[in-house]
C-alpha atoms as a PDB file:
ATOM      1  CA  UNK A   1       0.000   0.000   0.000  1.00  0.00           C
ATOM      2  CA  UNK A   2       1.506   3.387  -1.002  1.00  0.00           C
ATOM      3  CA  UNK A   3       2.254   5.892   1.750  1.00  0.00           C
ATOM      4  CA  UNK A   4      -0.058   8.944   1.878  1.00  0.00           C
ATOM      5  CA  UNK A   5       1.520  12.076   0.465  1.00  0.00           C
ATOM      6  CA  UNK A   6      -0.399  14.249   2.926  1.00  0.00           C
ATOM      7  CA  UNK A   7      -0.277  13.679   6.675  1.00  0.00           C
ATOM      8  CA  UNK A   8      -3.248  13.804   9.025  1.00  0.00           C
ATOM      9  CA  UNK A   9      -1.665  16.817  10.673  1.00  0.00           C
ATOM     10  CA  UNK A  10      -1.609  18.686   7.353  1.00  0.00           C
ATOM     11  CA  UNK A  11      -5.267  17.859   6.659  1.00  0.00           C
ATOM     12  CA  UNK A  12      -6.076  19.128  10.146  1.00  0.00           C
ATOM     13  CA  UNK A  13      -4.389  22.437   9.306  1.00  0.00           C
ATOM     14  CA  UNK A  14      -6.424  22.831   6.110  1.00  0.00           C
ATOM     15  CA  UNK A  15      -9.689  22.088   7.899  1.00  0.00           C
ATOM     16  CA  UNK A  16      -8.830  24.547  10.667  1.00  0.00           C
ATOM     17  CA  UNK A  17      -8.088  27.347   8.169  1.00  0.00           C
ATOM     18  CA  UNK A  18     -11.524  26.933   6.600  1.00  0.00           C
ATOM     19  CA  UNK A  19     -13.422  26.367   9.856  1.00  0.00           C
ATOM     20  CA  UNK A  20     -11.824  29.358  11.579  1.00  0.00           C
ATOM     21  CA  UNK A  21     -11.834  31.660   8.551  1.00  0.00           C
ATOM     22  CA  UNK A  22      -8.123  32.272   8.206  1.00  0.00           C
ATOM     23  CA  UNK A  23      -4.585  31.254   9.075  1.00  0.00           C
ATOM     24  CA  UNK A  24      -4.277  33.355  12.220  1.00  0.00           C
ATOM     25  CA  UNK A  25      -7.407  31.990  13.878  1.00  0.00           C
ATOM     26  CA  UNK A  26      -6.537  28.457  12.771  1.00  0.00           C
ATOM     27  CA  UNK A  27      -3.143  28.811  14.419  1.00  0.00           C
ATOM     28  CA  UNK A  28      -4.769  29.960  17.650  1.00  0.00           C
ATOM     29  CA  UNK A  29      -7.266  27.094  17.615  1.00  0.00           C
ATOM     30  CA  UNK A  30      -4.534  24.499  17.049  1.00  0.00           C
ATOM     31  CA  UNK A  31      -2.029  26.182  19.394  1.00  0.00           C
ATOM     32  CA  UNK A  32       0.520  26.475  16.620  1.00  0.00           C
ATOM     33  CA  UNK A  33       2.336  29.254  14.814  1.00  0.00           C
ATOM     34  CA  UNK A  34       0.706  30.874  11.803  1.00  0.00           C
ATOM     35  CA  UNK A  35       3.752  30.041   9.687  1.00  0.00           C
ATOM     36  CA  UNK A  36       3.420  26.312  10.465  1.00  0.00           C
ATOM     37  CA  UNK A  37      -0.240  26.362   9.400  1.00  0.00           C
ATOM     38  CA  UNK A  38       0.617  28.178   6.183  1.00  0.00           C
ATOM     39  CA  UNK A  39       3.447  25.741   5.498  1.00  0.00           C
ATOM     40  CA  UNK A  40       1.141  22.722   6.005  1.00  0.00           C
ATOM     41  CA  UNK A  41      -1.397  24.044   3.492  1.00  0.00           C
ATOM     42  CA  UNK A  42       1.348  24.815   0.945  1.00  0.00           C
ATOM     43  CA  UNK A  43       2.663  21.270   1.391  1.00  0.00           C
ATOM     44  CA  UNK A  44      -0.751  19.863   0.447  1.00  0.00           C
ATOM     45  CA  UNK A  45      -0.856  22.040  -2.667  1.00  0.00           C
ATOM     46  CA  UNK A  46       2.688  21.119  -3.642  1.00  0.00           C
ATOM     47  CA  UNK A  47       2.335  17.382  -3.095  1.00  0.00           C
ATOM     48  CA  UNK A  48      -1.052  17.070  -4.794  1.00  0.00           C
ATOM     49  CA  UNK A  49      -0.439  19.633  -7.559  1.00  0.00           C
ATOM     50  CA  UNK A  50      -3.600  21.611  -6.769  1.00  0.00           C
ATOM     51  CA  UNK A  51      -4.449  25.160  -5.763  1.00  0.00           C
ATOM     52  CA  UNK A  52      -6.612  25.097  -2.639  1.00  0.00           C
ATOM     53  CA  UNK A  53      -7.215  28.836  -2.212  1.00  0.00           C
ATOM     54  CA  UNK A  54      -7.522  31.927  -4.345  1.00  0.00           C
ATOM     55  CA  UNK A  55      -6.968  35.412  -2.945  1.00  0.00           C
ATOM     56  CA  UNK A  56      -9.898  37.784  -3.266  1.00  0.00           C
ATOM     57  CA  UNK A  57      -9.011  41.122  -1.748  1.00  0.00           C
ATOM     58  CA  UNK A  58      -7.779  40.358   1.731  1.00  0.00           C
ATOM     59  CA  UNK A  59      -9.525  36.997   1.951  1.00  0.00           C
ATOM     60  CA  UNK A  60      -8.488  33.538   0.822  1.00  0.00           C
ATOM     61  CA  UNK A  61     -11.345  31.551  -0.686  1.00  0.00           C
ATOM     62  CA  UNK A  62     -11.464  27.856  -1.478  1.00  0.00           C
ATOM     63  CA  UNK A  63     -11.168  26.813  -5.098  1.00  0.00           C
ATOM     64  CA  UNK A  64     -13.571  24.134  -6.355  1.00  0.00           C
ATOM     65  CA  UNK A  65     -10.842  21.524  -5.854  1.00  0.00           C
ATOM     66  CA  UNK A  66     -10.103  22.970  -2.431  1.00  0.00           C
ATOM     67  CA  UNK A  67     -13.752  22.666  -1.423  1.00  0.00           C
ATOM     68  CA  UNK A  68     -13.770  18.974  -2.362  1.00  0.00           C
ATOM     69  CA  UNK A  69     -10.558  18.301  -0.460  1.00  0.00           C
ATOM     70  CA  UNK A  70     -11.817  20.256   2.541  1.00  0.00           C
ATOM     71  CA  UNK A  71     -14.956  18.094   2.761  1.00  0.00           C
ATOM     72  CA  UNK A  72     -12.936  14.887   2.428  1.00  0.00           C
ATOM     73  CA  UNK A  73     -10.337  16.180   4.875  1.00  0.00           C
ATOM     74  CA  UNK A  74     -13.050  17.041   7.387  1.00  0.00           C
ATOM     75  CA  UNK A  75     -14.442  13.493   7.108  1.00  0.00           C
ATOM     76  CA  UNK A  76     -10.932  12.072   7.559  1.00  0.00           C
ATOM     77  CA  UNK A  77     -10.329  14.137  10.720  1.00  0.00           C
ATOM     78  CA  UNK A  78     -13.721  13.138  12.137  1.00  0.00           C
ATOM     79  CA  UNK A  79     -13.033   9.460  11.468  1.00  0.00           C
ATOM     80  CA  UNK A  80      -9.600   9.710  13.095  1.00  0.00           C
ATOM     81  CA  UNK A  81     -11.204  11.205  16.195  1.00  0.00           C
ATOM     82  CA  UNK A  82     -13.813   8.421  16.289  1.00  0.00           C
ATOM     83  CA  UNK A  83     -11.046   5.838  15.921  1.00  0.00           C
ATOM     84  CA  UNK A  84      -9.247   7.260  18.931  1.00  0.00           C
ATOM     85  CA  UNK A  85     -12.478   7.267  20.932  1.00  0.00           C
ATOM     86  CA  UNK A  86     -13.016   3.591  20.108  1.00  0.00           C
ATOM     87  CA  UNK A  87      -9.442   2.834  21.160  1.00  0.00           C
ATOM     88  CA  UNK A  88      -9.986   4.657  24.449  1.00  0.00           C
ATOM     89  CA  UNK A  89     -13.191   2.723  25.052  1.00  0.00           C
ATOM     90  CA  UNK A  90     -11.469  -0.596  24.360  1.00  0.00           C
ATOM     91  CA  UNK A  91      -8.535   0.353  26.579  1.00  0.00           C
ATOM     92  CA  UNK A  92     -11.004   1.072  29.392  1.00  0.00           C
ATOM     93  CA  UNK A  93     -12.514  -2.400  29.070  1.00  0.00           C
ATOM     94  CA  UNK A  94     -15.175  -1.727  26.450  1.00  0.00           C
ATOM     95  CA  UNK A  95     -16.182  -4.306  23.863  1.00  0.00           C
ATOM     96  CA  UNK A  96     -16.004  -3.944  20.104  1.00  0.00           C
ATOM     97  CA  UNK A  97     -19.105  -6.075  19.479  1.00  0.00           C
ATOM     98  CA  UNK A  98     -21.958  -7.712  21.371  1.00  0.00           C
ATOM     99  CA  UNK A  99     -23.862 -10.602  19.801  1.00  0.00           C
ATOM    100  CA  UNK A 100     -27.402 -11.202  21.009  1.00  0.00           C
ATOM    101  CA  UNK A 101     -30.074 -13.818  20.388  1.00  0.00           C
ATOM    102  CA  UNK A 102     -33.540 -12.760  21.499  1.00  0.00           C
ATOM    103  CA  UNK A 103     -36.670 -14.878  21.233  1.00  0.00           C
ATOM    104  CA  UNK A 104     -39.202 -13.152  19.024  1.00  0.00           C
ATOM    105  CA  UNK A 105     -41.802 -13.383  21.791  1.00  0.00           C
ATOM    106  CA  UNK A 106     -39.781 -10.910  23.886  1.00  0.00           C
ATOM    107  CA  UNK A 107     -41.413  -7.460  23.531  1.00  0.00           C
ATOM    108  CA  UNK A 108     -39.649  -5.647  20.698  1.00  0.00           C
ATOM    109  CA  UNK A 109     -40.388  -2.205  22.133  1.00  0.00           C
ATOM    110  CA  UNK A 110     -38.773  -3.159  25.435  1.00  0.00           C
ATOM    111  CA  UNK A 111     -35.703  -4.619  23.717  1.00  0.00           C
ATOM    112  CA  UNK A 112     -35.197  -1.469  21.642  1.00  0.00           C
ATOM    113  CA  UNK A 113     -35.591   0.679  24.749  1.00  0.00           C
ATOM    114  CA  UNK A 114     -32.757  -1.255  26.410  1.00  0.00           C
ATOM    115  CA  UNK A 115     -30.559  -1.102  23.309  1.00  0.00           C
ATOM    116  CA  UNK A 116     -31.117   2.656  23.054  1.00  0.00           C
ATOM    117  CA  UNK A 117     -29.867   3.084  26.621  1.00  0.00           C
ATOM    118  CA  UNK A 118     -26.957   0.751  25.938  1.00  0.00           C
ATOM    119  CA  UNK A 119     -26.024   2.734  22.826  1.00  0.00           C
ATOM    120  CA  UNK A 120     -25.765   5.961  24.826  1.00  0.00           C
ATOM    121  CA  UNK A 121     -23.395   4.373  27.353  1.00  0.00           C
ATOM    122  CA  UNK A 122     -21.394   2.351  24.796  1.00  0.00           C
ATOM    123  CA  UNK A 123     -21.672   4.284  21.506  1.00  0.00           C
ATOM    124  CA  UNK A 124     -18.743   2.480  19.868  1.00  0.00           C
ATOM    125  CA  UNK A 125     -19.889  -1.083  20.554  1.00  0.00           C
ATOM    126  CA  UNK A 126     -21.460  -2.777  17.541  1.00  0.00           C
ATOM    127  CA  UNK A 127     -24.582  -4.819  18.290  1.00  0.00           C
ATOM    128  CA  UNK A 128     -25.351  -7.922  16.243  1.00  0.00           C
ATOM    129  CA  UNK A 129     -28.940  -8.970  17.000  1.00  0.00           C
ATOM    130  CA  UNK A 130     -30.518 -12.301  16.054  1.00  0.00           C
ATOM    131  CA  UNK A 131     -34.307 -12.334  16.430  1.00  0.00           C
ATOM    132  CA  UNK A 132     -34.758 -16.061  16.815  1.00  0.00           C
ATOM    133  CA  UNK A 133     -37.492 -18.591  17.525  1.00  0.00           C
ATOM    134  CA  UNK A 134     -37.348 -21.696  19.742  1.00  0.00           C
ATOM    135  CA  UNK A 135     -34.569 -24.027  18.588  1.00  0.00           C
ATOM    136  CA  UNK A 136     -32.876 -21.241  16.665  1.00  0.00           C
ATOM    137  CA  UNK A 137     -31.969 -19.540  19.930  1.00  0.00           C
ATOM    138  CA  UNK A 138     -30.601 -22.811  21.326  1.00  0.00           C
ATOM    139  CA  UNK A 139     -28.424 -23.338  18.258  1.00  0.00           C
ATOM    140  CA  UNK A 140     -26.929 -19.840  18.434  1.00  0.00           C
ATOM    141  CA  UNK A 141     -25.862 -20.495  22.021  1.00  0.00           C
ATOM    142  CA  UNK A 142     -24.611 -24.022  21.416  1.00  0.00           C
ATOM    143  CA  UNK A 143     -22.584 -22.922  18.381  1.00  0.00           C
ATOM    144  CA  UNK A 144     -21.036 -20.008  20.346  1.00  0.00           C
ATOM    145  CA  UNK A 145     -22.392 -17.460  17.900  1.00  0.00           C
ATOM    146  CA  UNK A 146     -23.830 -15.136  20.551  1.00  0.00           C
ATOM    147  CA  UNK A 147     -22.687 -13.684  23.870  1.00  0.00           C
ATOM    148  CA  UNK A 148     -26.110 -13.259  25.436  1.00  0.00           C
ATOM    149  CA  UNK A 149     -29.499 -14.852  24.804  1.00  0.00           C
ATOM    150  CA  UNK A 150     -33.087 -14.454  25.900  1.00  0.00           C
ATOM    151  CA  UNK A 151     -34.584 -17.883  25.374  1.00  0.00           C
ATOM    152  CA  UNK A 152     -37.607 -19.974  26.353  1.00  0.00           C
ATOM    153  CA  UNK A 153     -35.455 -22.937  27.322  1.00  0.00           C
ATOM    154  CA  UNK A 154     -31.927 -23.076  28.735  1.00  0.00           C
ATOM    155  CA  UNK A 155     -29.848 -25.412  26.522  1.00  0.00           C
ATOM    156  CA  UNK A 156     -27.728 -28.169  28.094  1.00  0.00           C
ATOM    157  CA  UNK A 157     -24.408 -26.892  29.396  1.00  0.00           C
ATOM    158  CA  UNK A 158     -25.653 -23.361  30.116  1.00  0.00           C
ATOM    159  CA  UNK A 159     -27.062 -21.588  33.148  1.00  0.00           C
ATOM    160  CA  UNK A 160     -29.835 -19.030  32.969  1.00  0.00           C
ATOM    161  CA  UNK A 161     -31.956 -16.900  35.262  1.00  0.00           C
ATOM    162  CA  UNK A 162     -35.707 -16.430  34.791  1.00  0.00           C
ATOM    163  CA  UNK A 163     -36.222 -13.028  33.227  1.00  0.00           C
ATOM    164  CA  UNK A 164     -39.974 -12.767  32.697  1.00  0.00           C
ATOM    165  CA  UNK A 165     -43.168 -14.642  32.066  1.00  0.00           C
ATOM    166  CA  UNK A 166     -44.882 -14.163  28.728  1.00  0.00           C
ATOM    167  CA  UNK A 167     -48.663 -14.347  28.618  1.00  0.00           C
ATOM    168  CA  UNK A 168     -50.102 -15.663  25.354  1.00  0.00           C
ATOM    169  CA  UNK A 169     -53.721 -15.006  24.426  1.00  0.00           C
ATOM    170  CA  UNK A 170     -55.779 -16.477  21.597  1.00  0.00           C
ATOM    171  CA  UNK A 171     -57.014 -13.734  19.270  1.00  0.00           C
ATOM    172  CA  UNK A 172     -58.466 -13.068  15.843  1.00  0.00           C
ATOM    173  CA  UNK A 173     -59.678 -10.042  13.903  1.00  0.00           C
ATOM    174  CA  UNK A 174     -63.133  -8.777  14.958  1.00  0.00           C
ATOM    175  CA  UNK A 175     -64.664  -9.858  11.607  1.00  0.00           C
ATOM    176  CA  UNK A 176     -63.202 -13.382  11.803  1.00  0.00           C
ATOM    177  CA  UNK A 177     -65.883 -16.144  11.643  1.00  0.00           C
ATOM    178  CA  UNK A 178     -64.923 -17.377  15.100  1.00  0.00           C
ATOM    179  CA  UNK A 179     -66.088 -14.091  16.602  1.00  0.00           C
ATOM    180  CA  UNK A 180     -69.364 -14.323  14.718  1.00  0.00           C
ATOM    181  CA  UNK A 181     -70.377 -17.478  16.591  1.00  0.00           C
ATOM    182  CA  UNK A 182     -71.248 -15.262  19.585  1.00  0.00           C
ATOM    183  CA  UNK A 183     -70.625 -17.949  22.186  1.00  0.00           C
ATOM    184  CA  UNK A 184     -67.842 -19.580  24.163  1.00  0.00           C
ATOM    185  CA  UNK A 185     -65.543 -21.474  21.810  1.00  0.00           C
ATOM    186  CA  UNK A 186     -64.122 -24.968  22.039  1.00  0.00           C
ATOM    187  CA  UNK A 187     -60.984 -26.443  20.507  1.00  0.00           C
ATOM    188  CA  UNK A 188     -63.269 -28.186  18.006  1.00  0.00           C
ATOM    189  CA  UNK A 189     -64.371 -24.731  16.806  1.00  0.00           C
ATOM    190  CA  UNK A 190     -60.730 -23.771  16.260  1.00  0.00           C
ATOM    191  CA  UNK A 191     -59.973 -26.912  14.253  1.00  0.00           C
ATOM    192  CA  UNK A 192     -62.199 -25.683  11.431  1.00  0.00           C
ATOM    193  CA  UNK A 193     -60.162 -22.498  10.918  1.00  0.00           C
ATOM    194  CA  UNK A 194     -56.654 -21.501   9.863  1.00  0.00           C
ATOM    195  CA  UNK A 195     -54.027 -21.398  12.588  1.00  0.00           C
ATOM    196  CA  UNK A 196     -51.164 -18.895  12.154  1.00  0.00           C
ATOM    197  CA  UNK A 197     -47.787 -20.091  13.471  1.00  0.00           C
ATOM    198  CA  UNK A 198     -44.254 -18.719  13.807  1.00  0.00           C
ATOM    199  CA  UNK A 199     -41.584 -21.022  12.361  1.00  0.00           C
ATOM    200  CA  UNK A 200     -38.780 -22.398  14.525  1.00  0.00           C
ATOM    201  CA  UNK A 201     -35.710 -20.518  13.256  1.00  0.00           C
ATOM    202  CA  UNK A 202     -33.347 -23.397  14.040  1.00  0.00           C
ATOM    203  CA  UNK A 203     -31.895 -25.442  11.195  1.00  0.00           C
ATOM    204  CA  UNK A 204     -32.890 -28.724  12.864  1.00  0.00           C
ATOM    205  CA  UNK A 205     -36.260 -27.389  14.054  1.00  0.00           C
ATOM    206  CA  UNK A 206     -36.381 -29.751  16.987  1.00  0.00           C
ATOM    207  CA  UNK A 207     -38.910 -27.763  18.996  1.00  0.00           C
ATOM    208  CA  UNK A 208     -42.540 -27.042  18.235  1.00  0.00           C
ATOM    209  CA  UNK A 209     -44.316 -24.734  20.629  1.00  0.00           C
ATOM    210  CA  UNK A 210     -47.573 -24.470  18.673  1.00  0.00           C
ATOM    211  CA  UNK A 211     -50.910 -26.208  19.167  1.00  0.00           C
ATOM    212  CA  UNK A 212     -51.225 -28.924  16.544  1.00  0.00           C
ATOM    213  CA  UNK A 213     -55.005 -29.341  16.437  1.00  0.00           C
ATOM    214  CA  UNK A 214     -55.928 -27.303  13.344  1.00  0.00           C
ATOM    215  CA  UNK A 215     -55.848 -28.947   9.930  1.00  0.00           C
ATOM    216  CA  UNK A 216     -55.379 -25.572   8.227  1.00  0.00           C
ATOM    217  CA  UNK A 217     -52.102 -23.887   9.063  1.00  0.00           C
ATOM    218  CA  UNK A 218     -49.921 -21.090   7.782  1.00  0.00           C
ATOM    219  CA  UNK A 219     -46.359 -20.962   9.080  1.00  0.00           C
ATOM    220  CA  UNK A 220     -44.391 -17.701   8.737  1.00  0.00           C
ATOM    221  CA  UNK A 221     -40.877 -16.597   9.670  1.00  0.00           C
ATOM    222  CA  UNK A 222     -41.345 -13.024  10.907  1.00  0.00           C
ATOM    223  CA  UNK A 223     -43.325 -11.659  13.834  1.00  0.00           C
ATOM    224  CA  UNK A 224     -44.625  -8.665  11.885  1.00  0.00           C
ATOM    225  CA  UNK A 225     -46.054 -10.961   9.181  1.00  0.00           C
ATOM    226  CA  UNK A 226     -47.549 -13.240  11.808  1.00  0.00           C
ATOM    227  CA  UNK A 227     -49.411 -10.392  13.497  1.00  0.00           C
ATOM    228  CA  UNK A 228     -50.427  -8.654  10.265  1.00  0.00           C
ATOM    229  CA  UNK A 229     -51.975 -11.840   8.896  1.00  0.00           C
ATOM    230  CA  UNK A 230     -54.297 -12.071  11.887  1.00  0.00           C
ATOM    231  CA  UNK A 231     -55.243  -8.386  11.603  1.00  0.00           C
ATOM    232  CA  UNK A 232     -56.256  -9.074   7.989  1.00  0.00           C
ATOM    233  CA  UNK A 233     -58.569 -11.857   9.152  1.00  0.00           C
ATOM    234  CA  UNK A 234     -56.464 -14.619   7.625  1.00  0.00           C
ATOM    235  CA  UNK A 235     -56.461 -16.798  10.732  1.00  0.00           C
ATOM    236  CA  UNK A 236     -56.207 -16.968  14.514  1.00  0.00           C
ATOM    237  CA  UNK A 237     -53.240 -17.470  16.817  1.00  0.00           C
ATOM    238  CA  UNK A 238     -51.943 -17.323  20.360  1.00  0.00           C
ATOM    239  CA  UNK A 239     -49.795 -14.184  20.586  1.00  0.00           C
ATOM    240  CA  UNK A 240     -47.636 -12.736  23.338  1.00  0.00           C
ATOM    241  CA  UNK A 241     -49.925 -10.117  24.836  1.00  0.00           C
ATOM    242  CA  UNK A 242     -47.193  -7.472  24.932  1.00  0.00           C
ATOM    243  CA  UNK A 243     -46.440  -7.976  21.225  1.00  0.00           C
ATOM    244  CA  UNK A 244     -49.997  -7.115  20.169  1.00  0.00           C
ATOM    245  CA  UNK A 245     -50.833  -4.459  22.744  1.00  0.00           C
ATOM    246  CA  UNK A 246     -51.283  -1.762  20.078  1.00  0.00           C
ATOM    247  CA  UNK A 247     -53.486  -4.007  17.927  1.00  0.00           C
ATOM    248  CA  UNK A 248     -55.634  -4.871  20.956  1.00  0.00           C
ATOM    249  CA  UNK A 249     -55.955  -1.213  21.955  1.00  0.00           C
ATOM    250  CA  UNK A 250     -56.931  -0.235  18.398  1.00  0.00           C
ATOM    251  CA  UNK A 251     -59.467  -3.062  18.121  1.00  0.00           C
ATOM    252  CA  UNK A 252     -57.648  -4.691  15.187  1.00  0.00           C
ATOM    253  CA  UNK A 253     -57.493  -7.926  17.199  1.00  0.00           C
ATOM    254  CA  UNK A 254     -59.860  -9.284  19.835  1.00  0.00           C
ATOM    255  CA  UNK A 255     -59.392 -12.133  22.326  1.00  0.00           C
ATOM    256  CA  UNK A 256     -61.245 -15.303  21.426  1.00  0.00           C
ATOM    257  CA  UNK A 257     -63.783 -16.397  24.094  1.00  0.00           C
ATOM    258  CA  UNK A 258     -62.401 -19.901  24.562  1.00  0.00           C
ATOM    259  CA  UNK A 259     -63.894 -22.171  27.234  1.00  0.00           C
ATOM    260  CA  UNK A 260     -60.398 -23.446  27.973  1.00  0.00           C
ATOM    261  CA  UNK A 261     -56.892 -22.739  26.738  1.00  0.00           C
ATOM    262  CA  UNK A 262     -57.479 -19.046  25.978  1.00  0.00           C
ATOM    263  CA  UNK A 263     -54.330 -18.152  27.889  1.00  0.00           C
ATOM    264  CA  UNK A 264     -50.893 -19.738  28.024  1.00  0.00           C
ATOM    265  CA  UNK A 265     -47.677 -18.749  29.745  1.00  0.00           C
ATOM    266  CA  UNK A 266     -44.008 -19.283  28.997  1.00  0.00           C
ATOM    267  CA  UNK A 267     -40.894 -18.293  30.912  1.00  0.00           C
ATOM    268  CA  UNK A 268     -38.039 -16.474  29.224  1.00  0.00           C
ATOM    269  CA  UNK A 269     -34.523 -16.884  30.590  1.00  0.00           C
ATOM    270  CA  UNK A 270     -31.492 -14.617  30.426  1.00  0.00           C
ATOM    271  CA  UNK A 271     -28.449 -16.693  29.492  1.00  0.00           C
ATOM    272  CA  UNK A 272     -24.819 -15.539  29.266  1.00  0.00           C
ATOM    273  CA  UNK A 273     -22.846 -17.758  26.896  1.00  0.00           C
ATOM    274  CA  UNK A 274     -19.691 -17.395  28.995  1.00  0.00           C
ATOM    275  CA  UNK A 275     -20.299 -15.369  32.170  1.00  0.00           C
ATOM    276  CA  UNK A 276     -16.607 -15.224  33.086  1.00  0.00           C
ATOM    277  CA  UNK A 277     -15.566 -13.933  29.658  1.00  0.00           C
ATOM    278  CA  UNK A 278     -18.165 -11.159  29.545  1.00  0.00           C
ATOM    279  CA  UNK A 279     -17.054  -7.538  29.777  1.00  0.00           C
ATOM    280  CA  UNK A 280     -18.625  -4.487  31.381  1.00  0.00           C
ATOM    281  CA  UNK A 281     -20.728  -3.799  28.297  1.00  0.00           C
ATOM    282  CA  UNK A 282     -22.292  -7.248  28.384  1.00  0.00           C
ATOM    283  CA  UNK A 283     -22.934  -7.015  32.123  1.00  0.00           C
ATOM    284  CA  UNK A 284     -24.469  -3.567  31.658  1.00  0.00           C
ATOM    285  CA  UNK A 285     -26.861  -4.791  28.959  1.00  0.00           C
ATOM    286  CA  UNK A 286     -27.902  -7.737  31.118  1.00  0.00           C
ATOM    287  CA  UNK A 287     -28.682  -5.372  33.985  1.00  0.00           C
ATOM    288  CA  UNK A 288     -30.614  -3.059  31.659  1.00  0.00           C
ATOM    289  CA  UNK A 289     -32.800  -5.968  30.548  1.00  0.00           C
ATOM    290  CA  UNK A 290     -33.470  -7.105  34.115  1.00  0.00           C
ATOM    291  CA  UNK A 291     -34.331  -3.584  35.253  1.00  0.00           C
ATOM    292  CA  UNK A 292     -36.570  -2.869  32.255  1.00  0.00           C
ATOM    293  CA  UNK A 293     -38.524  -6.082  32.691  1.00  0.00           C
ATOM    294  CA  UNK A 294     -38.935  -5.518  36.440  1.00  0.00           C
ATOM    295  CA  UNK A 295     -40.137  -1.970  35.843  1.00  0.00           C
ATOM    296  CA  UNK A 296     -42.540  -2.675  32.989  1.00  0.00           C
ATOM    297  CA  UNK A 297     -43.867  -6.204  33.484  1.00  0.00           C
ATOM    298  CA  UNK A 298     -42.662  -7.824  36.671  1.00  0.00           C
ATOM    299  CA  UNK A 299     -42.781 -11.636  36.444  1.00  0.00           C
ATOM    300  CA  UNK A 300     -45.759 -13.104  38.224  1.00  0.00           C
END
């Protein structure tokens, strides 16, 4: 790779001259002599074979080429500063990346709230999020592809703490035929209608958390599709209550009046892939999740 002809220090001088409207003010801002600033700018012009400024009266104005180089130089200086901030964060024990697997039944709004708080405290940590279902979460842990997981079952060889209980309720759109029966419903009533199911995201698909009684079934891969299909009257399903709270409030979905089985519960666990290898960022995110759950939907 060829060596740059212009140093970062020289680009910084050019940017300062433009930002501070002149060599004298640039020198003051950078705590350098005016002659050193002038020399740095002339070095850029000499080494690149371009005129950066033209003199108009008593003022130096950027040429078209100078304007382009100023913008690129500004971006280069900003990136160098961000690089140093990342290095400082890593030196202080920060982490470059956190990999998460979160069961799709965990409330998305609550997860994003926690990640927003995490991002403020650790702005230079990249987050790699897997929104997984059933066995897919297990596989991500077992294959060491994530650092932290929220899962409905703790895989063999791992330890997890109960994080929250998820309440599932059977619902359908108000115009769905099941609601038109105007009576308490039985499982036999459900069998005659389409059941909407979320697919296990694992490759082996060893776990099936859905009721198997309906002969008609649509299986989808994404939570948004799953919920939207029910709102369109395309079937019924048991949904995590927190995931459809807006649809329930708006009347787009209504609970089905089942005689039995209208409500189900599942426990979600917080699992650290390697608790001893985790850093302060991972510990902080785990604490954010615990606090958010306790404050918004304490396990019963």
